[in-house]
């Protein structure tokens, strides 16, 4: 009788002990930074605060849902100005633990994010996280005493950038005791800048991004052959890589192909009339950038469905980044002929920034998941890391299988298509074209009235996929193409990986 009476009590003690030990081993649960991401009047809005136990509201005036992103900080409870925050209740938030991610230059980090959510609302082309309605909710105070994630992000657009030789990273001083470490790798940044110096361009931009996390590893901008100094104020305000003023050209075929493949209306091996009585497969038309085929694919998909994929890829809406970036624009015309031309990328009013093109490419490389691009890596205060950036997913415009098909089609561009010349001719790496893939684009812009060429794709030159985007603008037709610049950057990365010295250019400049 006695033993049976105490049996439930013993079980309760064991459960309490396990819960207590779980909290003891995860002491960083007591401190957290939170950043709520939304939009207002077409502009990105960030609101910072502590972790809240209430759900986020959706008011009648707010047409789009708020997405709440909460960042885990290191345990800094010994610092008096930080307030202890309790963990959100299960009906207000869900704890999502990240996978360990690795990069080429830094050890892997294990991070955690807390995202306030209710069941997701899904459309055929986009997954949106919608918060729970709560009439008693009070917005967090963005002017709280504790330092917020928002303050760190805002600092990089306002404060001077510096190079820290001991870290071999670029930093931004937040206050006398705190500095923000950026994701850009100086050695990779210099490699990209040196590559652009080998070519004659009126406008140039390049971005290298880790598609799995969204972190920007290099970002260069040039004007009239002058490379923009990364430590200058103009780098943050006049950077071509952040300006949505360029025609997207045939990069848009990625979106048209996504709509066709994702909806099941086409496959990579489907054939469409190319000219006369000649038919061409979807993947071959992608590789050689055949406009007529992609106009026909768009007509089969339909205007309304293609519009959904345009929006799912982030056009006509705020672009969330750590530096100011205006939204990209793409509105499909109603005229049948102009609609087909636009779907093939022949519309000068479809304007996009290189950073947005990098996000599109990274979505394909990341199995259809769109990660928020970012520059803030971690924050150090009094020689202690107090904040680490947690990569997070903004959306999933396409299915995993669709992304895999597009990935294979990108290989064809550099192997047999329009990017072949830019990635060929390297005697020390004859297989470079097979290590890379992407999509090219060529179109004359309205302002400035230059001929712009694009390469948006990936390289496996360092052993894993990295997103690489290059843009070249010239007054007229020129031997310098974006694919040649991208090929040279990929080759330099390959040589850097295999040789412990500065690589020499093998292929002639094109």
Protein backbone atom coordinates (compact mmCIF):
# COMPACT_ATOMS: atom_id res chain seq x y z
CA UNK A 1 0.00 0.00 0.00
CA UNK A 2 2.73 2.44 0.89
CA UNK A 3 4.79 1.78 -2.23
CA UNK A 4 1.77 2.12 -4.54
CA UNK A 5 0.85 5.41 -2.84
CA UNK A 6 4.27 6.98 -3.44
CA UNK A 7 4.69 5.70 -7.00
CA UNK A 8 2.89 8.67 -8.66
CA UNK A 9 4.85 11.05 -6.45
CA UNK A 10 8.14 9.50 -7.56
CA UNK A 11 7.20 9.91 -11.19
CA UNK A 12 6.33 13.57 -10.56
CA UNK A 13 9.72 14.14 -8.90
CA UNK A 14 11.54 12.61 -11.85
CA UNK A 15 9.66 14.84 -14.31
CA UNK A 16 10.42 17.97 -12.25
CA UNK A 17 14.09 16.99 -12.00
CA UNK A 18 14.39 16.54 -15.75
CA UNK A 19 12.74 19.93 -16.38
CA UNK A 20 15.04 21.60 -13.86
CA UNK A 21 18.18 20.09 -15.41
CA UNK A 22 17.01 21.15 -18.85
CA UNK A 23 16.84 24.76 -17.70
CA UNK A 24 20.17 24.46 -15.92
CA UNK A 25 21.95 23.23 -19.03
CA UNK A 26 20.32 25.89 -21.23
CA UNK A 27 20.97 28.96 -19.10
CA UNK A 28 20.81 31.26 -22.14
CA UNK A 29 17.03 30.86 -22.06
CA UNK A 30 16.84 33.75 -19.62
CA UNK A 31 18.08 36.39 -22.07
CA UNK A 32 16.86 37.12 -25.55
CA UNK A 33 16.59 39.87 -28.13
CA UNK A 34 13.56 40.21 -30.37
CA UNK A 35 12.99 41.82 -33.75
CA UNK A 36 9.53 42.07 -35.29
CA UNK A 37 9.53 42.41 -39.09
CA UNK A 38 6.57 43.91 -40.92
CA UNK A 39 5.82 46.58 -43.50
CA UNK A 40 4.07 49.92 -43.56
CA UNK A 41 3.28 52.01 -46.63
CA UNK A 42 5.45 49.73 -48.74
CA UNK A 43 8.50 50.13 -46.50
CA UNK A 44 10.16 47.55 -44.25
CA UNK A 45 9.46 48.14 -40.57
CA UNK A 46 11.46 46.67 -37.70
CA UNK A 47 10.26 46.88 -34.09
CA UNK A 48 12.46 45.66 -31.28
CA UNK A 49 11.62 44.53 -27.78
CA UNK A 50 11.79 41.73 -25.25
CA UNK A 51 10.20 38.34 -25.75
CA UNK A 52 6.46 38.74 -25.26
CA UNK A 53 4.07 36.11 -23.92
CA UNK A 54 1.16 37.51 -25.92
CA UNK A 55 0.55 36.79 -29.58
CA UNK A 56 0.93 39.47 -32.23
CA UNK A 57 -2.30 41.06 -33.45
CA UNK A 58 -3.65 41.58 -36.91
CA UNK A 59 -5.65 44.79 -36.94
CA UNK A 60 -8.35 45.74 -39.43
CA UNK A 61 -6.11 48.40 -40.98
CA UNK A 62 -3.24 45.98 -41.43
CA UNK A 63 -3.78 44.05 -44.64
CA UNK A 64 -0.65 41.91 -44.42
CA UNK A 65 0.42 39.76 -41.45
CA UNK A 66 3.26 40.68 -39.14
CA UNK A 67 6.11 38.21 -39.00
CA UNK A 68 7.80 38.08 -35.61
CA UNK A 69 11.42 37.02 -35.54
CA UNK A 70 13.11 36.67 -32.18
CA UNK A 71 16.84 36.25 -31.81
CA UNK A 72 18.55 34.21 -29.11
CA UNK A 73 21.36 36.06 -27.31
CA UNK A 74 24.21 34.69 -25.22
CA UNK A 75 23.68 34.62 -21.44
CA UNK A 76 24.50 38.16 -20.30
CA UNK A 77 22.45 38.32 -17.12
CA UNK A 78 25.45 39.70 -15.25
CA UNK A 79 25.03 42.93 -17.20
CA UNK A 80 22.67 45.13 -15.16
CA UNK A 81 20.98 46.90 -18.04
CA UNK A 82 19.60 43.66 -19.50
CA UNK A 83 16.20 42.58 -18.25
CA UNK A 84 15.46 38.91 -17.72
CA UNK A 85 12.78 37.75 -20.17
CA UNK A 86 10.63 34.70 -19.73
CA UNK A 87 10.12 32.14 -22.43
CA UNK A 88 6.93 32.61 -24.48
CA UNK A 89 3.95 30.38 -23.82
CA UNK A 90 3.31 27.54 -26.21
CA UNK A 91 0.16 29.11 -27.68
CA UNK A 92 1.99 32.34 -28.47
CA UNK A 93 5.26 31.06 -29.85
CA UNK A 94 7.08 28.03 -31.04
CA UNK A 95 10.77 27.43 -30.44
CA UNK A 96 12.53 26.39 -33.58
CA UNK A 97 16.07 25.08 -33.20
CA UNK A 98 18.44 25.66 -36.08
CA UNK A 99 20.66 23.17 -37.75
CA UNK A 100 24.39 23.66 -37.41
CA UNK A 101 25.60 25.69 -40.35
CA UNK A 102 29.17 25.93 -41.61
CA UNK A 103 30.92 28.49 -43.75
CA UNK A 104 34.27 28.60 -45.46
CA UNK A 105 36.02 30.83 -42.99
CA UNK A 106 34.39 30.37 -39.60
CA UNK A 107 33.47 27.47 -37.32
CA UNK A 108 29.91 26.26 -37.26
CA UNK A 109 27.51 27.96 -34.87
CA UNK A 110 24.49 26.39 -33.17
CA UNK A 111 21.78 29.00 -32.80
CA UNK A 112 18.12 29.22 -31.85
CA UNK A 113 15.29 31.45 -32.99
CA UNK A 114 11.83 31.98 -31.57
CA UNK A 115 9.10 32.78 -34.08
CA UNK A 116 5.64 33.88 -32.96
CA UNK A 117 3.20 32.00 -35.10
CA UNK A 118 -0.08 30.20 -35.60
CA UNK A 119 -0.73 27.65 -38.38
CA UNK A 120 0.64 28.97 -41.67
CA UNK A 121 -1.63 30.26 -44.43
CA UNK A 122 -0.59 28.71 -47.75
CA UNK A 123 -1.18 29.84 -51.33
CA UNK A 124 -0.01 27.93 -54.42
CA UNK A 125 3.07 30.10 -54.67
CA UNK A 126 3.90 31.36 -51.20
CA UNK A 127 3.83 30.33 -47.56
CA UNK A 128 3.04 33.12 -45.09
CA UNK A 129 3.34 33.01 -41.31
CA UNK A 130 0.29 34.68 -39.81
CA UNK A 131 0.12 35.66 -36.12
CA UNK A 132 -2.72 34.96 -33.73
CA UNK A 133 -5.37 37.58 -33.03
CA UNK A 134 -5.16 39.00 -29.50
CA UNK A 135 -7.17 42.02 -28.40
CA UNK A 136 -5.16 42.43 -25.18
CA UNK A 137 -1.80 42.61 -26.89
CA UNK A 138 0.42 45.63 -26.22
CA UNK A 139 3.25 46.41 -28.61
CA UNK A 140 6.75 46.07 -27.19
CA UNK A 141 8.59 49.24 -26.31
CA UNK A 142 11.23 49.88 -28.96
CA UNK A 143 12.97 52.39 -26.68
CA UNK A 144 13.58 49.96 -23.85
CA UNK A 145 16.76 50.27 -21.80
CA UNK A 146 18.29 47.03 -23.04
CA UNK A 147 20.10 47.02 -26.37
CA UNK A 148 17.97 45.50 -29.10
CA UNK A 149 18.74 43.57 -32.26
CA UNK A 150 17.27 46.48 -34.21
CA UNK A 151 19.82 48.90 -32.75
CA UNK A 152 22.72 46.72 -33.87
CA UNK A 153 21.33 46.45 -37.39
CA UNK A 154 20.64 50.17 -37.65
CA UNK A 155 24.19 50.93 -36.56
CA UNK A 156 25.78 49.45 -39.68
CA UNK A 157 24.01 51.94 -41.95
CA UNK A 158 24.80 54.93 -39.70
CA UNK A 159 28.23 54.27 -38.17
CA UNK A 160 31.63 54.04 -39.84
CA UNK A 161 32.94 50.66 -40.96
CA UNK A 162 36.45 49.57 -39.95
CA UNK A 163 38.78 46.67 -40.61
CA UNK A 164 39.83 44.69 -37.53
CA UNK A 165 43.12 42.96 -38.32
CA UNK A 166 42.99 40.65 -35.29
CA UNK A 167 39.61 39.29 -36.40
CA UNK A 168 40.30 39.68 -40.11
CA UNK A 169 36.76 41.01 -40.42
CA UNK A 170 35.00 44.31 -40.96
CA UNK A 171 33.39 45.77 -37.86
CA UNK A 172 31.17 48.68 -36.84
CA UNK A 173 31.64 50.29 -33.45
CA UNK A 174 28.30 50.49 -31.67
CA UNK A 175 29.64 52.23 -28.55
CA UNK A 176 33.08 52.39 -26.81
CA UNK A 177 32.61 48.88 -25.41
CA UNK A 178 30.60 47.22 -28.18
CA UNK A 179 31.22 46.46 -31.84
CA UNK A 180 29.27 44.67 -34.56
CA UNK A 181 31.07 42.07 -36.70
CA UNK A 182 29.95 41.87 -40.35
CA UNK A 183 29.57 38.76 -42.48
CA UNK A 184 31.72 40.02 -45.38
CA UNK A 185 35.04 38.13 -45.65
CA UNK A 186 37.88 40.57 -46.46
CA UNK A 187 39.90 38.06 -48.52
CA UNK A 188 36.88 37.19 -50.67
CA UNK A 189 35.92 40.86 -50.94
CA UNK A 190 39.40 41.74 -52.22
CA UNK A 191 39.30 38.88 -54.70
CA UNK A 192 36.04 40.17 -56.20
CA UNK A 193 37.30 43.76 -56.30
CA UNK A 194 40.59 42.73 -57.96
CA UNK A 195 38.68 40.75 -60.57
CA UNK A 196 36.62 43.80 -61.55
CA UNK A 197 39.82 45.82 -61.94
CA UNK A 198 40.83 43.51 -64.79
CA UNK A 199 37.81 44.51 -66.86
CA UNK A 200 36.61 47.77 -68.37
CA UNK A 201 33.07 48.58 -67.20
CA UNK A 202 30.91 51.66 -66.79
CA UNK A 203 28.84 50.03 -64.04
CA UNK A 204 29.70 46.86 -62.18
CA UNK A 205 28.34 44.96 -59.20
CA UNK A 206 28.89 41.56 -57.69
CA UNK A 207 27.55 39.62 -54.71
CA UNK A 208 28.60 36.31 -53.19
CA UNK A 209 26.06 34.85 -50.77
CA UNK A 210 25.74 31.70 -48.72
CA UNK A 211 22.35 30.36 -49.94
CA UNK A 212 21.82 28.15 -46.89
CA UNK A 213 21.97 31.03 -44.39
CA UNK A 214 21.53 34.23 -46.38
CA UNK A 215 24.76 35.84 -45.16
CA UNK A 216 26.54 38.13 -47.60
CA UNK A 217 30.18 37.04 -47.99
CA UNK A 218 31.26 39.68 -50.54
CA UNK A 219 29.60 42.69 -52.17
CA UNK A 220 31.42 44.93 -54.63
CA UNK A 221 30.37 47.95 -56.67
CA UNK A 222 32.26 49.87 -59.36
CA UNK A 223 31.57 52.99 -61.41
CA UNK A 224 33.67 53.97 -64.41
CA UNK A 225 36.27 51.37 -63.39
CA UNK A 226 36.54 52.82 -59.89
CA UNK A 227 35.88 50.30 -57.13
CA UNK A 228 33.78 51.67 -54.29
CA UNK A 229 35.77 51.56 -51.05
CA UNK A 230 34.03 49.25 -48.60
CA UNK A 231 34.99 51.54 -45.70
CA UNK A 232 33.51 54.64 -47.32
CA UNK A 233 30.11 56.13 -46.56
CA UNK A 234 29.21 55.87 -50.26
CA UNK A 235 29.47 52.08 -50.04
CA UNK A 236 26.40 52.08 -47.80
CA UNK A 237 24.44 54.71 -49.73
CA UNK A 238 25.54 54.58 -53.39
CA UNK A 239 26.23 50.88 -53.85
CA UNK A 240 25.05 49.56 -57.23
CA UNK A 241 24.52 46.14 -55.65
CA UNK A 242 21.65 47.62 -53.60
CA UNK A 243 19.99 49.74 -56.31
CA UNK A 244 16.83 48.33 -58.00
CA UNK A 245 17.39 50.34 -61.17
CA UNK A 246 18.45 47.58 -63.58
CA UNK A 247 16.30 45.62 -66.06
CA UNK A 248 16.11 42.02 -64.92
CA UNK A 249 16.36 40.77 -68.53
CA UNK A 250 16.43 36.99 -69.00
CA UNK A 251 17.01 36.36 -65.30
CA UNK A 252 13.20 36.62 -65.29
CA UNK A 253 13.04 33.29 -67.11
CA UNK A 254 13.79 31.69 -63.71
CA UNK A 255 10.41 32.96 -62.47
CA UNK A 256 8.57 31.88 -65.61
CA UNK A 257 10.19 28.45 -65.43
CA UNK A 258 9.31 28.24 -61.73
CA UNK A 259 5.64 28.88 -62.46
CA UNK A 260 5.54 26.26 -65.20
CA UNK A 261 7.43 23.54 -63.32
CA UNK A 262 5.89 24.19 -59.91
CA UNK A 263 2.31 24.16 -61.22
CA UNK A 264 2.88 20.98 -63.21
CA UNK A 265 1.95 22.65 -66.49
CA UNK A 266 5.43 21.90 -67.89
CA UNK A 267 8.46 19.77 -67.11
CA UNK A 268 12.12 20.34 -67.88
CA UNK A 269 11.75 17.93 -70.82
CA UNK A 270 8.52 19.41 -72.21
CA UNK A 271 8.82 20.73 -75.77
CA UNK A 272 7.53 24.01 -77.18
CA UNK A 273 7.61 25.44 -80.68
CA UNK A 274 10.80 27.44 -81.16
CA UNK A 275 10.65 28.44 -84.84
CA UNK A 276 9.11 27.06 -87.99
CA UNK A 277 8.36 23.42 -87.23
CA UNK A 278 11.24 23.08 -84.77
CA UNK A 279 10.50 22.31 -81.13
CA UNK A 280 12.81 22.83 -78.15
CA UNK A 281 12.79 21.46 -74.62
CA UNK A 282 12.29 23.74 -71.63
CA UNK A 283 15.79 23.05 -70.26
CA UNK A 284 17.49 23.71 -73.61
CA UNK A 285 15.55 26.95 -74.10
CA UNK A 286 16.65 27.96 -70.59
CA UNK A 287 20.30 27.24 -71.42
CA UNK A 288 20.35 29.25 -74.64
CA UNK A 289 17.80 31.80 -73.36
CA UNK A 290 15.22 31.33 -76.12
CA UNK A 291 12.64 34.10 -75.76
CA UNK A 292 9.92 32.59 -77.94
CA UNK A 293 9.76 29.33 -75.98
CA UNK A 294 9.45 31.14 -72.66
CA UNK A 295 6.74 33.38 -74.04
CA UNK A 296 4.77 30.24 -74.90
CA UNK A 297 5.45 28.72 -71.47
CA UNK A 298 4.01 31.87 -69.87
CA UNK A 299 0.84 31.70 -71.99
CA UNK A 300 0.33 28.10 -70.94
CA UNK A 301 0.84 29.03 -67.28
CA UNK A 302 -1.49 32.01 -67.46
CA UNK A 303 -1.18 35.59 -66.29
CA UNK A 304 -2.82 35.23 -62.87
CA UNK A 305 -0.62 32.31 -61.81
CA UNK A 306 2.57 33.98 -63.05
CA UNK A 307 1.68 37.09 -61.02
CA UNK A 308 1.57 34.93 -57.87
CA UNK A 309 5.08 33.66 -58.51
CA UNK A 310 6.33 37.18 -59.20
CA UNK A 311 5.04 38.23 -55.79
CA UNK A 312 6.31 35.05 -54.15
CA UNK A 313 9.83 35.86 -55.34
CA UNK A 314 9.59 39.25 -53.61
CA UNK A 315 8.71 41.76 -56.34
CA UNK A 316 6.53 44.80 -55.65
CA UNK A 317 7.02 44.50 -51.89
CA UNK A 318 9.58 45.72 -49.32
CA UNK A 319 12.99 44.08 -49.44
CA UNK A 320 14.27 43.16 -45.98
CA UNK A 321 18.02 43.73 -45.64
CA UNK A 322 20.40 45.23 -43.09
CA UNK A 323 21.08 48.21 -45.40
CA UNK A 324 18.32 50.21 -47.14
CA UNK A 325 17.14 48.58 -50.39
CA UNK A 326 14.13 49.80 -52.38
CA UNK A 327 11.65 47.25 -53.68
CA UNK A 328 11.97 45.65 -57.12
CA UNK A 329 9.20 46.25 -59.67
CA UNK A 330 7.49 43.89 -62.10
CA UNK A 331 3.96 44.35 -63.43
CA UNK A 332 2.84 42.07 -66.25
CA UNK A 333 1.18 43.81 -69.21
CA UNK A 334 -2.29 42.69 -70.28
CA UNK A 335 -1.53 42.69 -74.02
CA UNK A 336 -0.86 39.10 -75.15
CA UNK A 337 2.27 39.85 -77.19
CA UNK A 338 3.79 42.13 -74.56
CA UNK A 339 2.89 39.59 -71.89
CA UNK A 340 4.92 36.90 -73.67
CA UNK A 341 7.84 39.27 -74.16
CA UNK A 342 7.80 40.31 -70.51
CA UNK A 343 7.71 36.67 -69.33
CA UNK A 344 10.87 36.09 -71.36
CA UNK A 345 12.56 39.10 -69.72
CA UNK A 346 12.12 41.60 -72.56
CA UNK A 347 10.59 44.37 -70.46
CA UNK A 348 12.73 47.34 -69.46
CA UNK A 349 10.25 48.27 -66.73
CA UNK A 350 11.00 45.11 -64.75
CA UNK A 351 13.58 46.61 -62.40
CA UNK A 352 15.62 44.68 -59.86
CA UNK A 353 18.69 45.06 -57.64
CA UNK A 354 21.67 42.66 -57.69
CA UNK A 355 20.98 41.82 -54.02
CA UNK A 356 17.46 40.74 -55.02
CA UNK A 357 18.78 38.62 -57.88
CA UNK A 358 21.09 36.96 -55.34
CA UNK A 359 18.04 36.19 -53.19
CA UNK A 360 16.23 34.63 -56.17
CA UNK A 361 19.23 32.46 -57.06
CA UNK A 362 19.78 31.48 -53.44
CA UNK A 363 16.14 30.39 -53.20
CA UNK A 364 16.76 27.87 -55.98
CA UNK A 365 20.03 26.69 -54.43
CA UNK A 366 18.37 26.34 -51.01
CA UNK A 367 15.72 23.87 -52.22
CA UNK A 368 13.09 26.57 -52.70
CA UNK A 369 13.50 28.28 -49.32
CA UNK A 370 14.06 32.05 -49.29
CA UNK A 371 16.41 33.12 -46.50
CA UNK A 372 16.68 36.73 -45.40
CA UNK A 373 19.99 38.19 -46.63
CA UNK A 374 22.00 39.82 -43.84
CA UNK A 375 25.27 41.56 -42.95
CA UNK A 376 25.29 41.54 -39.13
CA UNK A 377 27.04 38.36 -37.97
CA UNK A 378 27.56 38.81 -34.22
CA UNK A 379 28.07 41.50 -31.58
CA UNK A 380 30.88 41.69 -29.03
CA UNK A 381 30.56 43.67 -25.79
CA UNK A 382 33.40 43.82 -23.28
CA UNK A 383 35.18 41.00 -25.15
CA UNK A 384 32.13 38.76 -24.88
CA UNK A 385 29.72 37.75 -27.63
CA UNK A 386 26.29 39.06 -26.61
CA UNK A 387 24.39 38.53 -29.86
CA UNK A 388 24.61 36.06 -32.73
CA UNK A 389 22.58 36.32 -35.88
CA UNK A 390 20.14 33.52 -36.51
CA UNK A 391 19.39 32.88 -40.18
CA UNK A 392 15.67 32.57 -40.84
CA UNK A 393 13.36 31.73 -43.68
CA UNK A 394 11.14 34.42 -45.15
CA UNK A 395 9.15 32.29 -47.58
CA UNK A 396 9.13 29.23 -49.83
CA UNK A 397 8.05 30.36 -53.29
CA UNK A 398 8.60 26.96 -54.98
CA UNK A 399 8.59 23.29 -54.08
CA UNK A 400 11.79 21.39 -53.36
CA UNK A 401 11.47 19.30 -56.54
CA UNK A 402 10.99 22.45 -58.64
CA UNK A 403 14.16 23.93 -57.17
CA UNK A 404 16.06 20.73 -57.99
CA UNK A 405 14.90 20.89 -61.62
CA UNK A 406 15.94 24.54 -61.94
CA UNK A 407 19.31 23.71 -60.39
CA UNK A 408 19.95 21.07 -63.07
CA UNK A 409 18.87 23.50 -65.79
CA UNK A 410 21.37 26.06 -64.49
CA UNK A 411 24.19 23.58 -65.12
CA UNK A 412 23.25 23.56 -68.81
CA UNK A 413 23.78 27.34 -69.07
CA UNK A 414 27.50 27.13 -68.33
CA UNK A 415 28.06 23.75 -70.01
CA UNK A 416 26.30 24.22 -73.37
CA UNK A 417 24.44 27.53 -73.16
CA UNK A 418 24.98 31.28 -73.07
CA UNK A 419 27.42 31.13 -70.13
CA UNK A 420 29.77 28.57 -71.67
CA UNK A 421 32.30 31.06 -73.01
CA UNK A 422 32.60 32.93 -69.72
CA UNK A 423 33.48 29.75 -67.81
CA UNK A 424 35.70 28.12 -70.45
CA UNK A 425 39.33 28.45 -71.47
CA UNK A 426 40.96 27.95 -68.07
CA UNK A 427 43.78 25.42 -68.60
CA UNK A 428 44.31 24.85 -64.88
CA UNK A 429 40.61 24.19 -64.37
CA UNK A 430 39.14 22.83 -67.63
CA UNK A 431 36.08 21.55 -65.76
CA UNK A 432 35.14 24.96 -64.31
CA UNK A 433 31.92 25.14 -66.37
CA UNK A 434 30.79 21.84 -64.81
CA UNK A 435 31.46 23.22 -61.32
CA UNK A 436 29.15 26.17 -61.97
CA UNK A 437 25.71 26.98 -63.28
CA UNK A 438 23.30 29.86 -63.59
CA UNK A 439 21.32 32.10 -65.89
CA UNK A 440 22.50 34.96 -68.07
CA UNK A 441 20.61 38.06 -69.14
CA UNK A 442 21.16 40.92 -71.59
CA UNK A 443 18.99 44.02 -72.05
CA UNK A 444 19.37 47.76 -72.54
CA UNK A 445 18.16 49.81 -69.60
CA UNK A 446 16.26 53.09 -69.63
CA UNK A 447 18.11 54.95 -66.86
CA UNK A 448 20.99 54.76 -67.31
CA UNK A 449 20.73 53.91 -71.00
CA UNK A 450 23.42 51.21 -70.88
CA UNK A 451 23.52 47.67 -72.17
CA UNK A 452 23.36 45.48 -69.05
CA UNK A 453 24.49 41.88 -68.85
CA UNK A 454 23.78 39.57 -65.92
CA UNK A 455 25.02 36.34 -64.52
CA UNK A 456 23.08 34.90 -61.61
CA UNK A 457 24.13 31.44 -60.55
CA UNK A 458 26.38 29.35 -58.36
CA UNK A 459 29.90 27.99 -58.10
CA UNK A 460 31.23 24.87 -56.43
CA UNK A 461 34.80 26.16 -56.71
CA UNK A 462 35.30 25.92 -52.95
CA UNK A 463 33.63 22.52 -52.67
CA UNK A 464 30.06 23.62 -51.89
CA UNK A 465 27.42 25.84 -53.49
CA UNK A 466 27.82 29.59 -53.18
CA UNK A 467 25.51 32.03 -54.91
CA UNK A 468 27.36 34.37 -57.27
CA UNK A 469 25.78 37.34 -59.04
CA UNK A 470 27.53 39.76 -61.40
CA UNK A 471 26.20 42.77 -63.30
CA UNK A 472 28.02 44.73 -66.00
CA UNK A 473 26.73 47.93 -67.65
CA UNK A 474 28.29 49.43 -70.79
CA UNK A 475 27.44 52.27 -73.16
CA UNK A 476 27.17 49.82 -76.04
CA UNK A 477 28.06 46.28 -76.99
CA UNK A 478 31.35 45.31 -75.37
CA UNK A 479 33.59 42.29 -74.98
CA UNK A 480 33.12 42.43 -71.21
CA UNK A 481 30.17 40.30 -70.16
CA UNK A 482 28.90 39.54 -66.69
CA UNK A 483 29.41 35.80 -67.28
CA UNK A 484 33.11 36.40 -67.99
CA UNK A 485 33.50 38.29 -64.71
CA UNK A 486 31.63 35.54 -62.85
CA UNK A 487 33.79 32.90 -64.52
CA UNK A 488 36.95 34.72 -63.50
CA UNK A 489 35.77 35.07 -59.89
CA UNK A 490 34.91 31.35 -59.79
CA UNK A 491 38.33 30.49 -61.22
CA UNK A 492 40.11 32.66 -58.65
CA UNK A 493 38.18 30.92 -55.88
CA UNK A 494 39.10 27.52 -57.32
CA UNK A 495 42.79 28.42 -57.47
CA UNK A 496 42.70 29.88 -53.96
CA UNK A 497 41.32 26.59 -52.72
CA UNK A 498 43.97 24.46 -54.46
CA UNK A 499 47.02 26.71 -54.25
CA UNK A 500 48.34 28.70 -51.33
CA UNK A 501 49.33 31.66 -53.44
CA UNK A 502 47.81 34.40 -55.55
CA UNK A 503 46.44 32.77 -58.74
CA UNK A 504 47.46 33.98 -62.17
CA UNK A 505 44.86 34.60 -64.84
CA UNK A 506 45.01 31.82 -67.43
CA UNK A 507 42.17 32.75 -69.72
CA UNK A 508 42.27 35.95 -71.69
CA UNK A 509 39.87 38.72 -70.78
CA UNK A 510 36.82 38.64 -72.95
